[in-house]
Amino acid sequence: MNIKQLRKNMGLTQKDAAKRLGILPTALYKYEAGLVEPNISMLIKMADFYATSVDEVVGAKTPMLDLRKLDENQKELILEIVNLPKSKVDHVLGYVKALKDKF
């Protein structure tokens, strides 16, 4: 897990981070040491606290897209694509790849 690194990146001690997360420093130590795994609600709380995704907190190899980091146009584009039929999505993907290669 990346919990320890995320905390250090913010320049916080275990005691300070634990206080802000509303847990005991010993609990945070156990999470960081891998002795205990946080439950999903704690993972979400940590992700919000560290301004990242749960995937980043747990060190996922392929993180999921964090919608909080997208601007409104990017969010709208994703929603429009999700509502397209698969055949149209293939066309959009080809167009986007062509645009990317052009710039």
PDB file of N, CA and C in Angstrom:
ATOM      1  N   MET A   1       0.836  -1.193   0.000  1.00  0.00           N
ATOM      2  CA  MET A   1       0.000   0.000   0.000  1.00  0.00           C
ATOM      3  C   MET A   1       0.875   1.248   0.000  1.00  0.00           C
ATOM      4  N   ASN A   2       0.334   2.312  -0.528  1.00  0.00           N
ATOM      5  CA  ASN A   2       1.049   3.578  -0.634  1.00  0.00           C
ATOM      6  C   ASN A   2       0.713   4.549   0.494  1.00  0.00           C
ATOM      7  N   ILE A   3       0.053   4.074   1.516  1.00  0.00           N
ATOM      8  CA  ILE A   3      -0.422   4.965   2.578  1.00  0.00           C
ATOM      9  C   ILE A   3       0.723   5.754   3.208  1.00  0.00           C
ATOM     10  N   LYS A   4       1.798   5.072   3.523  1.00  0.00           N
ATOM     11  CA  LYS A   4       2.930   5.732   4.159  1.00  0.00           C
ATOM     12  C   LYS A   4       3.528   6.804   3.245  1.00  0.00           C
ATOM     13  N   GLN A   5       3.695   6.469   1.967  1.00  0.00           N
ATOM     14  CA  GLN A   5       4.286   7.424   1.030  1.00  0.00           C
ATOM     15  C   GLN A   5       3.374   8.635   0.827  1.00  0.00           C
ATOM     16  N   LEU A   6       2.082   8.413   0.744  1.00  0.00           N
ATOM     17  CA  LEU A   6       1.143   9.524   0.594  1.00  0.00           C
ATOM     18  C   LEU A   6       1.236  10.467   1.796  1.00  0.00           C
ATOM     19  N   ARG A   7       1.325   9.872   2.982  1.00  0.00           N
ATOM     20  CA  ARG A   7       1.447  10.695   4.200  1.00  0.00           C
ATOM     21  C   ARG A   7       2.740  11.497   4.178  1.00  0.00           C
ATOM     22  N   LYS A   8       3.829  10.834   3.839  1.00  0.00           N
ATOM     23  CA  LYS A   8       5.121  11.521   3.806  1.00  0.00           C
ATOM     24  C   LYS A   8       5.140  12.629   2.754  1.00  0.00           C
ATOM     25  N   ASN A   9       4.484  12.391   1.625  1.00  0.00           N
ATOM     26  CA  ASN A   9       4.406  13.420   0.575  1.00  0.00           C
ATOM     27  C   ASN A   9       3.717  14.690   1.070  1.00  0.00           C
ATOM     28  N   MET A  10       2.823  14.534   2.033  1.00  0.00           N
ATOM     29  CA  MET A  10       2.138  15.690   2.614  1.00  0.00           C
ATOM     30  C   MET A  10       2.924  16.290   3.774  1.00  0.00           C
ATOM     31  N   GLY A  11       4.040  15.656   4.130  1.00  0.00           N
ATOM     32  CA  GLY A  11       4.870  16.166   5.220  1.00  0.00           C
ATOM     33  C   GLY A  11       4.243  15.999   6.588  1.00  0.00           C
ATOM     34  N   LEU A  12       3.443  14.947   6.750  1.00  0.00           N
ATOM     35  CA  LEU A  12       2.746  14.724   8.017  1.00  0.00           C
ATOM     36  C   LEU A  12       3.369  13.588   8.810  1.00  0.00           C
ATOM     37  N   THR A  13       3.323  13.702  10.111  1.00  0.00           N
ATOM     38  CA  THR A  13       3.702  12.596  10.974  1.00  0.00           C
ATOM     39  C   THR A  13       2.528  11.628  11.043  1.00  0.00           C
ATOM     40  N   GLN A  14       2.801  10.423  11.527  1.00  0.00           N
ATOM     41  CA  GLN A  14       1.706   9.468  11.706  1.00  0.00           C
ATOM     42  C   GLN A  14       0.664  10.024  12.665  1.00  0.00           C
ATOM     43  N   LYS A  15       1.138  10.681  13.707  1.00  0.00           N
ATOM     44  CA  LYS A  15       0.223  11.229  14.708  1.00  0.00           C
ATOM     45  C   LYS A  15      -0.702  12.279  14.083  1.00  0.00           C
ATOM     46  N   ASP A  16      -0.121  13.196  13.286  1.00  0.00           N
ATOM     47  CA  ASP A  16      -0.928  14.249  12.657  1.00  0.00           C
ATOM     48  C   ASP A  16      -1.927  13.674  11.653  1.00  0.00           C
ATOM     49  N   ALA A  17      -1.462  12.752  10.826  1.00  0.00           N
ATOM     50  CA  ALA A  17      -2.343  12.155   9.822  1.00  0.00           C
ATOM     51  C   ALA A  17      -3.459  11.361  10.495  1.00  0.00           C
ATOM     52  N   ALA A  18      -3.106  10.605  11.520  1.00  0.00           N
ATOM     53  CA  ALA A  18      -4.110   9.816  12.231  1.00  0.00           C
ATOM     54  C   ALA A  18      -5.183  10.720  12.835  1.00  0.00           C
ATOM     55  N   LYS A  19      -4.746  11.815  13.432  1.00  0.00           N
ATOM     56  CA  LYS A  19      -5.704  12.752  14.035  1.00  0.00           C
ATOM     57  C   LYS A  19      -6.665  13.287  12.981  1.00  0.00           C
ATOM     58  N   ARG A  20      -6.133  13.674  11.831  1.00  0.00           N
ATOM     59  CA  ARG A  20      -6.977  14.220  10.762  1.00  0.00           C
ATOM     60  C   ARG A  20      -7.905  13.169  10.163  1.00  0.00           C
ATOM     61  N   LEU A  21      -7.464  11.909  10.188  1.00  0.00           N
ATOM     62  CA  LEU A  21      -8.300  10.817   9.671  1.00  0.00           C
ATOM     63  C   LEU A  21      -9.301  10.316  10.712  1.00  0.00           C
ATOM     64  N   GLY A  22      -9.122  10.771  11.969  1.00  0.00           N
ATOM     65  CA  GLY A  22     -10.037  10.364  13.030  1.00  0.00           C
ATOM     66  C   GLY A  22      -9.769   8.959  13.543  1.00  0.00           C
ATOM     67  N   ILE A  23      -8.508   8.533  13.478  1.00  0.00           N
ATOM     68  CA  ILE A  23      -8.136   7.212  13.971  1.00  0.00           C
ATOM     69  C   ILE A  23      -6.944   7.342  14.927  1.00  0.00           C
ATOM     70  N   LEU A  24      -6.631   6.277  15.624  1.00  0.00           N
ATOM     71  CA  LEU A  24      -5.485   6.278  16.526  1.00  0.00           C
ATOM     72  C   LEU A  24      -4.188   6.128  15.723  1.00  0.00           C
ATOM     73  N   PRO A  25      -3.109   6.739  16.184  1.00  0.00           N
ATOM     74  CA  PRO A  25      -1.825   6.582  15.503  1.00  0.00           C
ATOM     75  C   PRO A  25      -1.408   5.118  15.358  1.00  0.00           C
ATOM     76  N   THR A  26      -1.759   4.293  16.331  1.00  0.00           N
ATOM     77  CA  THR A  26      -1.411   2.869  16.237  1.00  0.00           C
ATOM     78  C   THR A  26      -2.146   2.196  15.076  1.00  0.00           C
ATOM     79  N   ALA A  27      -3.364   2.630  14.816  1.00  0.00           N
ATOM     80  CA  ALA A  27      -4.113   2.070  13.683  1.00  0.00           C
ATOM     81  C   ALA A  27      -3.444   2.453  12.368  1.00  0.00           C
ATOM     82  N   LEU A  28      -3.038   3.717  12.263  1.00  0.00           N
ATOM     83  CA  LEU A  28      -2.368   4.158  11.035  1.00  0.00           C
ATOM     84  C   LEU A  28      -1.045   3.417  10.857  1.00  0.00           C
ATOM     85  N   TYR A  29      -0.319   3.227  11.947  1.00  0.00           N
ATOM     86  CA  TYR A  29       0.933   2.466  11.882  1.00  0.00           C
ATOM     87  C   TYR A  29       0.665   1.071  11.318  1.00  0.00           C
ATOM     88  N   LYS A  30      -0.368   0.408  11.808  1.00  0.00           N
ATOM     89  CA  LYS A  30      -0.692  -0.950  11.348  1.00  0.00           C
ATOM     90  C   LYS A  30      -1.077  -0.964   9.873  1.00  0.00           C
ATOM     91  N   TYR A  31      -1.816   0.059   9.428  1.00  0.00           N
ATOM     92  CA  TYR A  31      -2.156   0.156   8.001  1.00  0.00           C
ATOM     93  C   TYR A  31      -0.894   0.325   7.166  1.00  0.00           C
ATOM     94  N   GLU A  32      -0.047   1.250   7.589  1.00  0.00           N
ATOM     95  CA  GLU A  32       1.166   1.547   6.833  1.00  0.00           C
ATOM     96  C   GLU A  32       2.130   0.357   6.806  1.00  0.00           C
ATOM     97  N   ALA A  33       2.189  -0.399   7.880  1.00  0.00           N
ATOM     98  CA  ALA A  33       3.093  -1.549   7.973  1.00  0.00           C
ATOM     99  C   ALA A  33       2.519  -2.791   7.292  1.00  0.00           C
ATOM    100  N   GLY A  34       1.262  -2.708   6.878  1.00  0.00           N
ATOM    101  CA  GLY A  34       0.634  -3.854   6.232  1.00  0.00           C
ATOM    102  C   GLY A  34       0.195  -4.939   7.204  1.00  0.00           C
ATOM    103  N   LEU A  35       0.108  -4.591   8.472  1.00  0.00           N
ATOM    104  CA  LEU A  35      -0.321  -5.554   9.483  1.00  0.00           C
ATOM    105  C   LEU A  35      -1.834  -5.727   9.493  1.00  0.00           C
ATOM    106  N   VAL A  36      -2.537  -4.657   9.122  1.00  0.00           N
ATOM    107  CA  VAL A  36      -4.001  -4.646   9.071  1.00  0.00           C
ATOM    108  C   VAL A  36      -4.399  -3.922   7.788  1.00  0.00           C
ATOM    109  N   GLU A  37      -5.433  -4.440   7.128  1.00  0.00           N
ATOM    110  CA  GLU A  37      -5.933  -3.758   5.937  1.00  0.00           C
ATOM    111  C   GLU A  37      -7.125  -2.893   6.306  1.00  0.00           C
ATOM    112  N   PRO A  38      -7.109  -1.630   5.852  1.00  0.00           N
ATOM    113  CA  PRO A  38      -8.257  -0.761   6.145  1.00  0.00           C
ATOM    114  C   PRO A  38      -9.501  -1.232   5.392  1.00  0.00           C
ATOM    115  N   ASN A  39     -10.663  -1.009   6.005  1.00  0.00           N
ATOM    116  CA  ASN A  39     -11.901  -1.365   5.312  1.00  0.00           C
ATOM    117  C   ASN A  39     -12.174  -0.335   4.212  1.00  0.00           C
ATOM    118  N   ILE A  40     -13.162  -0.599   3.408  1.00  0.00           N
ATOM    119  CA  ILE A  40     -13.427   0.251   2.239  1.00  0.00           C
ATOM    120  C   ILE A  40     -13.774   1.683   2.640  1.00  0.00           C
ATOM    121  N   SER A  41     -14.510   1.852   3.722  1.00  0.00           N
ATOM    122  CA  SER A  41     -14.853   3.223   4.124  1.00  0.00           C
ATOM    123  C   SER A  41     -13.604   3.987   4.545  1.00  0.00           C
ATOM    124  N   MET A  42     -12.651   3.313   5.191  1.00  0.00           N
ATOM    125  CA  MET A  42     -11.399   3.974   5.565  1.00  0.00           C
ATOM    126  C   MET A  42     -10.561   4.262   4.318  1.00  0.00           C
ATOM    127  N   LEU A  43     -10.561   3.360   3.349  1.00  0.00           N
ATOM    128  CA  LEU A  43      -9.823   3.612   2.104  1.00  0.00           C
ATOM    129  C   LEU A  43     -10.370   4.844   1.380  1.00  0.00           C
ATOM    130  N   ILE A  44     -11.680   4.971   1.365  1.00  0.00           N
ATOM    131  CA  ILE A  44     -12.302   6.146   0.729  1.00  0.00           C
ATOM    132  C   ILE A  44     -11.938   7.411   1.502  1.00  0.00           C
ATOM    133  N   LYS A  45     -11.973   7.324   2.812  1.00  0.00           N
ATOM    134  CA  LYS A  45     -11.616   8.468   3.658  1.00  0.00           C
ATOM    135  C   LYS A  45     -10.165   8.875   3.405  1.00  0.00           C
ATOM    136  N   MET A  46      -9.276   7.898   3.302  1.00  0.00           N
ATOM    137  CA  MET A  46      -7.864   8.180   3.028  1.00  0.00           C
ATOM    138  C   MET A  46      -7.691   8.791   1.640  1.00  0.00           C
ATOM    139  N   ALA A  47      -8.394   8.256   0.662  1.00  0.00           N
ATOM    140  CA  ALA A  47      -8.300   8.792  -0.695  1.00  0.00           C
ATOM    141  C   ALA A  47      -8.739  10.252  -0.723  1.00  0.00           C
ATOM    142  N   ASP A  48      -9.819  10.566  -0.041  1.00  0.00           N
ATOM    143  CA  ASP A  48     -10.276  11.959   0.031  1.00  0.00           C
ATOM    144  C   ASP A  48      -9.260  12.824   0.768  1.00  0.00           C
ATOM    145  N   PHE A  49      -8.749  12.322   1.877  1.00  0.00           N
ATOM    146  CA  PHE A  49      -7.784  13.074   2.678  1.00  0.00           C
ATOM    147  C   PHE A  49      -6.508  13.367   1.889  1.00  0.00           C
ATOM    148  N   TYR A  50      -6.000  12.358   1.186  1.00  0.00           N
ATOM    149  CA  TYR A  50      -4.768  12.528   0.422  1.00  0.00           C
ATOM    150  C   TYR A  50      -5.015  13.066  -0.987  1.00  0.00           C
ATOM    151  N   ALA A  51      -6.277  13.404  -1.287  1.00  0.00           N
ATOM    152  CA  ALA A  51      -6.672  13.971  -2.591  1.00  0.00           C
ATOM    153  C   ALA A  51      -6.210  13.083  -3.747  1.00  0.00           C
ATOM    154  N   THR A  52      -6.557  11.804  -3.634  1.00  0.00           N
ATOM    155  CA  THR A  52      -6.193  10.851  -4.669  1.00  0.00           C
ATOM    156  C   THR A  52      -7.301   9.809  -4.782  1.00  0.00           C
ATOM    157  N   SER A  53      -7.040   8.733  -5.484  1.00  0.00           N
ATOM    158  CA  SER A  53      -8.032   7.673  -5.651  1.00  0.00           C
ATOM    159  C   SER A  53      -7.737   6.516  -4.702  1.00  0.00           C
ATOM    160  N   VAL A  54      -8.729   5.681  -4.488  1.00  0.00           N
ATOM    161  CA  VAL A  54      -8.530   4.478  -3.688  1.00  0.00           C
ATOM    162  C   VAL A  54      -7.471   3.603  -4.354  1.00  0.00           C
ATOM    163  N   ASP A  55      -7.471   3.558  -5.673  1.00  0.00           N
ATOM    164  CA  ASP A  55      -6.457   2.781  -6.395  1.00  0.00           C
ATOM    165  C   ASP A  55      -5.050   3.220  -6.020  1.00  0.00           C
ATOM    166  N   GLU A  56      -4.854   4.515  -5.910  1.00  0.00           N
ATOM    167  CA  GLU A  56      -3.543   5.046  -5.540  1.00  0.00           C
ATOM    168  C   GLU A  56      -3.209   4.690  -4.100  1.00  0.00           C
ATOM    169  N   VAL A  57      -4.188   4.749  -3.223  1.00  0.00           N
ATOM    170  CA  VAL A  57      -3.963   4.420  -1.810  1.00  0.00           C
ATOM    171  C   VAL A  57      -3.501   2.970  -1.667  1.00  0.00           C
ATOM    172  N   VAL A  58      -4.136   2.067  -2.407  1.00  0.00           N
ATOM    173  CA  VAL A  58      -3.786   0.647  -2.277  1.00  0.00           C
ATOM    174  C   VAL A  58      -2.652   0.235  -3.205  1.00  0.00           C
ATOM    175  N   GLY A  59      -2.198   1.143  -4.063  1.00  0.00           N
ATOM    176  CA  GLY A  59      -1.064   0.835  -4.941  1.00  0.00           C
ATOM    177  C   GLY A  59      -1.426  -0.024  -6.128  1.00  0.00           C
ATOM    178  N   ALA A  60      -2.639   0.154  -6.670  1.00  0.00           N
ATOM    179  CA  ALA A  60      -3.053  -0.625  -7.838  1.00  0.00           C
ATOM    180  C   ALA A  60      -2.109  -0.361  -9.004  1.00  0.00           C
ATOM    181  N   LYS A  61      -1.811  -1.409  -9.742  1.00  0.00           N
ATOM    182  CA  LYS A  61      -0.891  -1.296 -10.880  1.00  0.00           C
ATOM    183  C   LYS A  61      -1.497  -0.465 -12.006  1.00  0.00           C
ATOM    184  N   THR A  62      -2.776  -0.637 -12.237  1.00  0.00           N
ATOM    185  CA  THR A  62      -3.467   0.109 -13.277  1.00  0.00           C
ATOM    186  C   THR A  62      -4.580   0.905 -12.611  1.00  0.00           C
ATOM    187  N   PRO A  63      -4.279   2.149 -12.216  1.00  0.00           N
ATOM    188  CA  PRO A  63      -5.298   2.922 -11.501  1.00  0.00           C
ATOM    189  C   PRO A  63      -6.505   3.244 -12.382  1.00  0.00           C
ATOM    190  N   MET A  64      -7.636   3.305 -11.731  1.00  0.00           N
ATOM    191  CA  MET A  64      -8.852   3.694 -12.428  1.00  0.00           C
ATOM    192  C   MET A  64      -8.842   5.205 -12.626  1.00  0.00           C
ATOM    193  N   LEU A  65      -9.618   5.643 -13.538  1.00  0.00           N
ATOM    194  CA  LEU A  65      -9.721   7.060 -13.827  1.00  0.00           C
ATOM    195  C   LEU A  65     -10.361   7.793 -12.650  1.00  0.00           C
ATOM    196  N   ASP A  66      -9.713   8.823 -12.171  1.00  0.00           N
ATOM    197  CA  ASP A  66     -10.246   9.617 -11.067  1.00  0.00           C
ATOM    198  C   ASP A  66     -11.023  10.785 -11.663  1.00  0.00           C
ATOM    199  N   LEU A  67     -12.337  10.679 -11.656  1.00  0.00           N
ATOM    200  CA  LEU A  67     -13.182  11.705 -12.269  1.00  0.00           C
ATOM    201  C   LEU A  67     -13.042  13.061 -11.603  1.00  0.00           C
ATOM    202  N   ARG A  68     -12.597  13.067 -10.349  1.00  0.00           N
ATOM    203  CA  ARG A  68     -12.435  14.347  -9.649  1.00  0.00           C
ATOM    204  C   ARG A  68     -11.355  15.211 -10.282  1.00  0.00           C
ATOM    205  N   LYS A  69     -10.454  14.593 -11.039  1.00  0.00           N
ATOM    206  CA  LYS A  69      -9.343  15.327 -11.641  1.00  0.00           C
ATOM    207  C   LYS A  69      -9.655  15.828 -13.050  1.00  0.00           C
ATOM    208  N   LEU A  70     -10.847  15.544 -13.538  1.00  0.00           N
ATOM    209  CA  LEU A  70     -11.224  15.964 -14.884  1.00  0.00           C
ATOM    210  C   LEU A  70     -11.974  17.291 -14.858  1.00  0.00           C
ATOM    211  N   ASP A  71     -11.804  18.052 -15.929  1.00  0.00           N
ATOM    212  CA  ASP A  71     -12.596  19.275 -16.027  1.00  0.00           C
ATOM    213  C   ASP A  71     -13.979  18.917 -16.580  1.00  0.00           C
ATOM    214  N   GLU A  72     -14.865  19.884 -16.624  1.00  0.00           N
ATOM    215  CA  GLU A  72     -16.257  19.622 -17.018  1.00  0.00           C
ATOM    216  C   GLU A  72     -16.374  19.099 -18.452  1.00  0.00           C
ATOM    217  N   ASN A  73     -15.559  19.612 -19.377  1.00  0.00           N
ATOM    218  CA  ASN A  73     -15.606  19.133 -20.759  1.00  0.00           C
ATOM    219  C   ASN A  73     -15.192  17.663 -20.850  1.00  0.00           C
ATOM    220  N   GLN A  74     -14.169  17.281 -20.103  1.00  0.00           N
ATOM    221  CA  GLN A  74     -13.721  15.893 -20.113  1.00  0.00           C
ATOM    222  C   GLN A  74     -14.796  14.975 -19.542  1.00  0.00           C
ATOM    223  N   LYS A  75     -15.445  15.394 -18.466  1.00  0.00           N
ATOM    224  CA  LYS A  75     -16.523  14.600 -17.876  1.00  0.00           C
ATOM    225  C   LYS A  75     -17.680  14.450 -18.858  1.00  0.00           C
ATOM    226  N   GLU A  76     -18.037  15.548 -19.515  1.00  0.00           N
ATOM    227  CA  GLU A  76     -19.128  15.507 -20.481  1.00  0.00           C
ATOM    228  C   GLU A  76     -18.797  14.567 -21.632  1.00  0.00           C
ATOM    229  N   LEU A  77     -17.564  14.629 -22.117  1.00  0.00           N
ATOM    230  CA  LEU A  77     -17.138  13.753 -23.209  1.00  0.00           C
ATOM    231  C   LEU A  77     -17.267  12.288 -22.814  1.00  0.00           C
ATOM    232  N   ILE A  78     -16.827  11.949 -21.619  1.00  0.00           N
ATOM    233  CA  ILE A  78     -16.918  10.568 -21.148  1.00  0.00           C
ATOM    234  C   ILE A  78     -18.374  10.118 -21.068  1.00  0.00           C
ATOM    235  N   LEU A  79     -19.233  10.963 -20.535  1.00  0.00           N
ATOM    236  CA  LEU A  79     -20.651  10.602 -20.426  1.00  0.00           C
ATOM    237  C   LEU A  79     -21.285  10.400 -21.800  1.00  0.00           C
ATOM    238  N   GLU A  80     -20.922  11.242 -22.750  1.00  0.00           N
ATOM    239  CA  GLU A  80     -21.453  11.084 -24.107  1.00  0.00           C
ATOM    240  C   GLU A  80     -20.983   9.778 -24.731  1.00  0.00           C
ATOM    241  N   ILE A  81     -19.714   9.440 -24.537  1.00  0.00           N
ATOM    242  CA  ILE A  81     -19.171   8.209 -25.103  1.00  0.00           C
ATOM    243  C   ILE A  81     -19.832   6.984 -24.472  1.00  0.00           C
ATOM    244  N   VAL A  82     -20.045   7.030 -23.172  1.00  0.00           N
ATOM    245  CA  VAL A  82     -20.679   5.901 -22.479  1.00  0.00           C
ATOM    246  C   VAL A  82     -22.061   5.615 -23.045  1.00  0.00           C
ATOM    247  N   ASN A  83     -22.746   6.626 -23.505  1.00  0.00           N
ATOM    248  CA  ASN A  83     -24.109   6.458 -24.019  1.00  0.00           C
ATOM    249  C   ASN A  83     -24.180   6.123 -25.502  1.00  0.00           C
ATOM    250  N   LEU A  84     -23.041   6.013 -26.162  1.00  0.00           N
ATOM    251  CA  LEU A  84     -23.015   5.654 -27.579  1.00  0.00           C
ATOM    252  C   LEU A  84     -23.090   4.142 -27.769  1.00  0.00           C
ATOM    253  N   PRO A  85     -23.643   3.699 -28.912  1.00  0.00           N
ATOM    254  CA  PRO A  85     -23.559   2.268 -29.235  1.00  0.00           C
ATOM    255  C   PRO A  85     -22.099   1.890 -29.503  1.00  0.00           C
ATOM    256  N   LYS A  86     -21.746   0.621 -29.298  1.00  0.00           N
ATOM    257  CA  LYS A  86     -20.362   0.170 -29.434  1.00  0.00           C
ATOM    258  C   LYS A  86     -19.764   0.530 -30.791  1.00  0.00           C
ATOM    259  N   SER A  87     -20.522   0.408 -31.849  1.00  0.00           N
ATOM    260  CA  SER A  87     -19.991   0.711 -33.192  1.00  0.00           C
ATOM    261  C   SER A  87     -19.561   2.178 -33.289  1.00  0.00           C
ATOM    262  N   LYS A  88     -20.284   3.046 -32.646  1.00  0.00           N
ATOM    263  CA  LYS A  88     -19.940   4.474 -32.659  1.00  0.00           C
ATOM    264  C   LYS A  88     -18.727   4.752 -31.765  1.00  0.00           C
ATOM    265  N   VAL A  89     -18.610   4.009 -30.664  1.00  0.00           N
ATOM    266  CA  VAL A  89     -17.468   4.181 -29.771  1.00  0.00           C
ATOM    267  C   VAL A  89     -16.178   3.869 -30.520  1.00  0.00           C
ATOM    268  N   ASP A  90     -16.194   2.830 -31.348  1.00  0.00           N
ATOM    269  CA  ASP A  90     -15.018   2.477 -32.149  1.00  0.00           C
ATOM    270  C   ASP A  90     -14.611   3.630 -33.058  1.00  0.00           C
ATOM    271  N   HIS A  91     -15.584   4.300 -33.659  1.00  0.00           N
ATOM    272  CA  HIS A  91     -15.307   5.453 -34.526  1.00  0.00           C
ATOM    273  C   HIS A  91     -14.705   6.605 -33.722  1.00  0.00           C
ATOM    274  N   VAL A  92     -15.278   6.871 -32.574  1.00  0.00           N
ATOM    275  CA  VAL A  92     -14.780   7.956 -31.725  1.00  0.00           C
ATOM    276  C   VAL A  92     -13.352   7.654 -31.281  1.00  0.00           C
ATOM    277  N   LEU A  93     -13.099   6.424 -30.890  1.00  0.00           N
ATOM    278  CA  LEU A  93     -11.757   6.038 -30.462  1.00  0.00           C
ATOM    279  C   LEU A  93     -10.740   6.246 -31.582  1.00  0.00           C
ATOM    280  N   GLY A  94     -11.098   5.855 -32.793  1.00  0.00           N
ATOM    281  CA  GLY A  94     -10.208   6.068 -33.940  1.00  0.00           C
ATOM    282  C   GLY A  94      -9.937   7.542 -34.166  1.00  0.00           C
ATOM    283  N   TYR A  95     -10.981   8.345 -34.042  1.00  0.00           N
ATOM    284  CA  TYR A  95     -10.831   9.790 -34.225  1.00  0.00           C
ATOM    285  C   TYR A  95      -9.920  10.394 -33.157  1.00  0.00           C
ATOM    286  N   VAL A  96     -10.118   9.990 -31.901  1.00  0.00           N
ATOM    287  CA  VAL A  96      -9.315  10.509 -30.796  1.00  0.00           C
ATOM    288  C   VAL A  96      -7.852  10.119 -30.972  1.00  0.00           C
ATOM    289  N   LYS A  97      -7.604   8.880 -31.373  1.00  0.00           N
ATOM    290  CA  LYS A  97      -6.228   8.435 -31.603  1.00  0.00           C
ATOM    291  C   LYS A  97      -5.582   9.231 -32.732  1.00  0.00           C
ATOM    292  N   ALA A  98      -6.341   9.503 -33.781  1.00  0.00           N
ATOM    293  CA  ALA A  98      -5.818  10.303 -34.893  1.00  0.00           C
ATOM    294  C   ALA A  98      -5.485  11.719 -34.432  1.00  0.00           C
ATOM    295  N   LEU A  99      -6.340  12.305 -33.608  1.00  0.00           N
ATOM    296  CA  LEU A  99      -6.079  13.636 -33.063  1.00  0.00           C
ATOM    297  C   LEU A  99      -4.822  13.636 -32.204  1.00  0.00           C
ATOM    298  N   LYS A 100      -4.684  12.627 -31.384  1.00  0.00           N
ATOM    299  CA  LYS A 100      -3.515  12.525 -30.507  1.00  0.00           C
ATOM    300  C   LYS A 100      -2.221  12.429 -31.312  1.00  0.00           C
ATOM    301  N   ASP A 101      -2.257  11.627 -32.356  1.00  0.00           N
ATOM    302  CA  ASP A 101      -1.070  11.469 -33.210  1.00  0.00           C
ATOM    303  C   ASP A 101      -0.742  12.747 -33.973  1.00  0.00           C
ATOM    304  N   LYS A 102      -1.769  13.523 -34.278  1.00  0.00           N
ATOM    305  CA  LYS A 102      -1.576  14.765 -35.034  1.00  0.00           C
ATOM    306  C   LYS A 102      -0.875  15.836 -34.193  1.00  0.00           C
ATOM    307  N   PHE A 103      -1.108  15.818 -32.887  1.00  0.00           N
ATOM    308  CA  PHE A 103      -0.541  16.845 -32.012  1.00  0.00           C
ATOM    309  C   PHE A 103       0.536  16.231 -31.230  1.00  0.00           C
TER     310      PHE A 103
END
